[in-house]
Amino acid sequence: MVNRCPRCGCGSILKNLFHRLQECSECKLEYSREDGFFIGGIPISYGLICGFWIVPLIVVWSLEWLPGDWSVWLGLGGAFAWPFISYRYCQCLWLGLYFVFAENEMPDQLEQKCSEDHE
C-alpha cells in the first residue's frame, strides 16, 4: 500500500504504523472530513478479518487439516491482533474510498507536482 494523499498523491497519510497525520504535507488537504469520520475504517477492518482470517480458518478446520483447539486459538489471536496492526491502513482505504464515491467533496485538484519530482 502506498498510503498517499488522495488529492495530490504525494504527501503521506500515515506518520507511522500507529499515527495518522492530520493533513497532507504537500497540498495541505485536511484528511478528517468531520468528527468520527475514520470510524468507517472499522467495518473495513472487520471485513478483512472475516474474509482473510476467520473464514479460511473455518475452512481449514472443517477439512480437518488443523485441530479444533488450534483453530480457535489462531482465530482469537488473529481477531485481536489484526485490528491493532491494520486499523490505520484501513483508515487510509476508507479515505480513498470516500473520495472515489464522493468526488464532489474533493477540493480542487492541484496542478503542482510532488516536491520529490522537483529534486
C-alpha atoms as a PDB file:
ATOM      1  CA  MET A   1       0.000   0.000   0.000  1.00  0.00           C
ATOM      2  CA  VAL A   2       1.192   3.446  -0.898  1.00  0.00           C
ATOM      3  CA  ASN A   3      -0.925   5.436   1.607  1.00  0.00           C
ATOM      4  CA  ARG A   4      -0.602   8.750  -0.193  1.00  0.00           C
ATOM      5  CA  CYS A   5      -2.841  11.798  -0.265  1.00  0.00           C
ATOM      6  CA  PRO A   6      -5.927  11.218  -2.438  1.00  0.00           C
ATOM      7  CA  ARG A   7      -5.698  14.722  -3.933  1.00  0.00           C
ATOM      8  CA  CYS A   8      -2.029  15.199  -4.844  1.00  0.00           C
ATOM      9  CA  GLY A   9      -0.715  11.652  -4.489  1.00  0.00           C
ATOM     10  CA  CYS A  10       2.472  12.946  -2.878  1.00  0.00           C
ATOM     11  CA  GLY A  11       2.005  13.513   0.831  1.00  0.00           C
ATOM     12  CA  SER A  12       1.807  10.593   3.218  1.00  0.00           C
ATOM     13  CA  ILE A  13      -1.319   9.838   5.250  1.00  0.00           C
ATOM     14  CA  LEU A  14       0.443   7.824   7.933  1.00  0.00           C
ATOM     15  CA  LYS A  15       3.222   9.089  10.174  1.00  0.00           C
ATOM     16  CA  ASN A  16       3.957   5.533  11.316  1.00  0.00           C
ATOM     17  CA  LEU A  17       2.049   2.306  11.950  1.00  0.00           C
ATOM     18  CA  PHE A  18       0.013   3.790  14.801  1.00  0.00           C
ATOM     19  CA  HIS A  19      -0.301   7.501  13.954  1.00  0.00           C
ATOM     20  CA  ARG A  20      -2.131   9.260  11.142  1.00  0.00           C
ATOM     21  CA  LEU A  21      -1.277  12.787  10.028  1.00  0.00           C
ATOM     22  CA  GLN A  22      -3.993  15.465  10.187  1.00  0.00           C
ATOM     23  CA  GLU A  23      -3.248  16.958   6.762  1.00  0.00           C
ATOM     24  CA  CYS A  24      -1.145  16.404   3.665  1.00  0.00           C
ATOM     25  CA  SER A  25       2.373  17.820   3.916  1.00  0.00           C
ATOM     26  CA  GLU A  26       2.308  18.778   0.218  1.00  0.00           C
ATOM     27  CA  CYS A  27      -1.157  20.164  -0.624  1.00  0.00           C
ATOM     28  CA  LYS A  28      -2.495  20.729   2.929  1.00  0.00           C
ATOM     29  CA  LEU A  29      -5.644  18.635   2.339  1.00  0.00           C
ATOM     30  CA  GLU A  30      -7.275  18.035   5.709  1.00  0.00           C
ATOM     31  CA  TYR A  31      -7.809  14.256   5.958  1.00  0.00           C
ATOM     32  CA  SER A  32     -10.585  14.225   8.530  1.00  0.00           C
ATOM     33  CA  ARG A  33     -13.874  15.325   6.984  1.00  0.00           C
ATOM     34  CA  GLU A  34     -15.852  15.547  10.256  1.00  0.00           C
ATOM     35  CA  ASP A  35     -15.806  14.160  13.805  1.00  0.00           C
ATOM     36  CA  GLY A  36     -15.862  10.378  13.719  1.00  0.00           C
ATOM     37  CA  PHE A  37     -15.021  10.245  10.003  1.00  0.00           C
ATOM     38  CA  PHE A  38     -12.425   7.499  10.333  1.00  0.00           C
ATOM     39  CA  ILE A  39     -14.803   5.179  12.171  1.00  0.00           C
ATOM     40  CA  GLY A  40     -15.536   3.968   8.630  1.00  0.00           C
ATOM     41  CA  GLY A  41     -12.243   2.071   8.849  1.00  0.00           C
ATOM     42  CA  ILE A  42     -13.774  -0.281  11.429  1.00  0.00           C
ATOM     43  CA  PRO A  43     -16.107  -2.170   9.038  1.00  0.00           C
ATOM     44  CA  ILE A  44     -13.273  -2.423   6.529  1.00  0.00           C
ATOM     45  CA  SER A  45     -11.034  -3.942   9.202  1.00  0.00           C
ATOM     46  CA  TYR A  46     -13.852  -6.284  10.269  1.00  0.00           C
ATOM     47  CA  GLY A  47     -14.420  -7.409   6.673  1.00  0.00           C
ATOM     48  CA  LEU A  48     -10.724  -8.105   6.217  1.00  0.00           C
ATOM     49  CA  ILE A  49     -10.565 -10.093   9.465  1.00  0.00           C
ATOM     50  CA  CYS A  50     -13.548 -12.203   8.439  1.00  0.00           C
ATOM     51  CA  GLY A  51     -12.544 -12.618   4.808  1.00  0.00           C
ATOM     52  CA  PHE A  52      -8.845 -13.265   5.184  1.00  0.00           C
ATOM     53  CA  TRP A  53      -8.531 -14.787   8.664  1.00  0.00           C
ATOM     54  CA  ILE A  54     -11.706 -16.274  10.174  1.00  0.00           C
ATOM     55  CA  VAL A  55     -13.282 -17.804   7.044  1.00  0.00           C
ATOM     56  CA  PRO A  56     -10.045 -19.551   5.967  1.00  0.00           C
ATOM     57  CA  LEU A  57      -9.619 -20.915   9.496  1.00  0.00           C
ATOM     58  CA  ILE A  58     -13.167 -22.280   9.432  1.00  0.00           C
ATOM     59  CA  VAL A  59     -12.460 -23.937   6.072  1.00  0.00           C
ATOM     60  CA  VAL A  60      -9.193 -25.441   7.361  1.00  0.00           C
ATOM     61  CA  TRP A  61     -10.967 -26.664  10.492  1.00  0.00           C
ATOM     62  CA  SER A  62     -13.885 -28.159   8.532  1.00  0.00           C
ATOM     63  CA  LEU A  63     -11.457 -30.018   6.257  1.00  0.00           C
ATOM     64  CA  GLU A  64      -9.765 -31.304   9.442  1.00  0.00           C
ATOM     65  CA  TRP A  65      -6.363 -30.005   8.383  1.00  0.00           C
ATOM     66  CA  LEU A  66      -5.975 -28.357  11.768  1.00  0.00           C
ATOM     67  CA  PRO A  67      -7.180 -29.488  15.208  1.00  0.00           C
ATOM     68  CA  GLY A  68     -10.187 -27.625  16.610  1.00  0.00           C
ATOM     69  CA  ASP A  69      -8.352 -26.084  19.560  1.00  0.00           C
ATOM     70  CA  TRP A  70      -5.631 -24.726  17.246  1.00  0.00           C
ATOM     71  CA  SER A  71      -8.285 -23.191  15.011  1.00  0.00           C
ATOM     72  CA  VAL A  72      -9.967 -21.495  17.968  1.00  0.00           C
ATOM     73  CA  TRP A  73      -6.709 -20.079  19.355  1.00  0.00           C
ATOM     74  CA  LEU A  74      -5.497 -18.920  15.942  1.00  0.00           C
ATOM     75  CA  GLY A  75      -8.902 -17.364  15.257  1.00  0.00           C
ATOM     76  CA  LEU A  76      -8.935 -15.479  18.554  1.00  0.00           C
ATOM     77  CA  GLY A  77      -5.302 -14.429  18.240  1.00  0.00           C
ATOM     78  CA  GLY A  78      -5.788 -13.061  14.735  1.00  0.00           C
ATOM     79  CA  ALA A  79      -9.082 -11.398  15.624  1.00  0.00           C
ATOM     80  CA  PHE A  80      -7.377  -9.476  18.448  1.00  0.00           C
ATOM     81  CA  ALA A  81      -4.026  -8.775  16.738  1.00  0.00           C
ATOM     82  CA  TRP A  82      -5.245  -7.834  13.233  1.00  0.00           C
ATOM     83  CA  PRO A  83      -7.157  -4.649  14.221  1.00  0.00           C
ATOM     84  CA  PHE A  84      -4.122  -3.213  16.004  1.00  0.00           C
ATOM     85  CA  ILE A  85      -1.896  -3.858  13.007  1.00  0.00           C
ATOM     86  CA  SER A  86      -4.276  -2.890  10.227  1.00  0.00           C
ATOM     87  CA  TYR A  87      -6.577  -0.171  11.561  1.00  0.00           C
ATOM     88  CA  ARG A  88      -4.517   2.791  10.297  1.00  0.00           C
ATOM     89  CA  TYR A  89      -4.236   1.176   6.859  1.00  0.00           C
ATOM     90  CA  CYS A  90      -7.991   0.601   6.893  1.00  0.00           C
ATOM     91  CA  GLN A  91      -8.411   4.310   7.622  1.00  0.00           C
ATOM     92  CA  CYS A  92      -6.344   5.078   4.504  1.00  0.00           C
ATOM     93  CA  LEU A  93      -8.525   2.732   2.484  1.00  0.00           C
ATOM     94  CA  TRP A  94     -11.642   4.396   3.919  1.00  0.00           C
ATOM     95  CA  LEU A  95     -10.314   7.852   2.968  1.00  0.00           C
ATOM     96  CA  GLY A  96      -9.588   6.679  -0.567  1.00  0.00           C
ATOM     97  CA  LEU A  97     -12.998   5.046  -0.941  1.00  0.00           C
ATOM     98  CA  TYR A  98     -14.694   8.175   0.371  1.00  0.00           C
ATOM     99  CA  PHE A  99     -13.155  10.353  -2.323  1.00  0.00           C
ATOM    100  CA  VAL A 100     -13.816   7.781  -5.058  1.00  0.00           C
ATOM    101  CA  PHE A 101     -17.541   7.742  -4.300  1.00  0.00           C
ATOM    102  CA  ALA A 102     -17.902  11.391  -3.221  1.00  0.00           C
ATOM    103  CA  GLU A 103     -15.914  13.190  -5.918  1.00  0.00           C
ATOM    104  CA  ASN A 104     -17.811  16.433  -5.292  1.00  0.00           C
ATOM    105  CA  GLU A 105     -16.293  16.519  -1.776  1.00  0.00           C
ATOM    106  CA  MET A 106     -12.733  16.543  -3.151  1.00  0.00           C
ATOM    107  CA  PRO A 107     -11.208  20.031  -3.086  1.00  0.00           C
ATOM    108  CA  ASP A 108      -9.911  21.250  -6.446  1.00  0.00           C
ATOM    109  CA  GLN A 109      -7.127  19.179  -7.946  1.00  0.00           C
ATOM    110  CA  LEU A 110      -3.731  20.821  -7.705  1.00  0.00           C
ATOM    111  CA  GLU A 111      -1.563  21.486 -10.729  1.00  0.00           C
ATOM    112  CA  GLN A 112       1.700  21.049  -8.829  1.00  0.00           C
ATOM    113  CA  LYS A 113       3.959  18.033  -8.836  1.00  0.00           C
ATOM    114  CA  CYS A 114       5.427  16.406  -5.770  1.00  0.00           C
ATOM    115  CA  SER A 115       8.410  18.156  -4.246  1.00  0.00           C
ATOM    116  CA  GLU A 116      10.279  14.868  -4.732  1.00  0.00           C
ATOM    117  CA  ASP A 117       9.822  15.309  -8.502  1.00  0.00           C
ATOM    118  CA  HIS A 118      11.462  18.759  -8.420  1.00  0.00           C
ATOM    119  CA  GLU A 119      14.681  17.487  -6.867  1.00  0.00           C
END
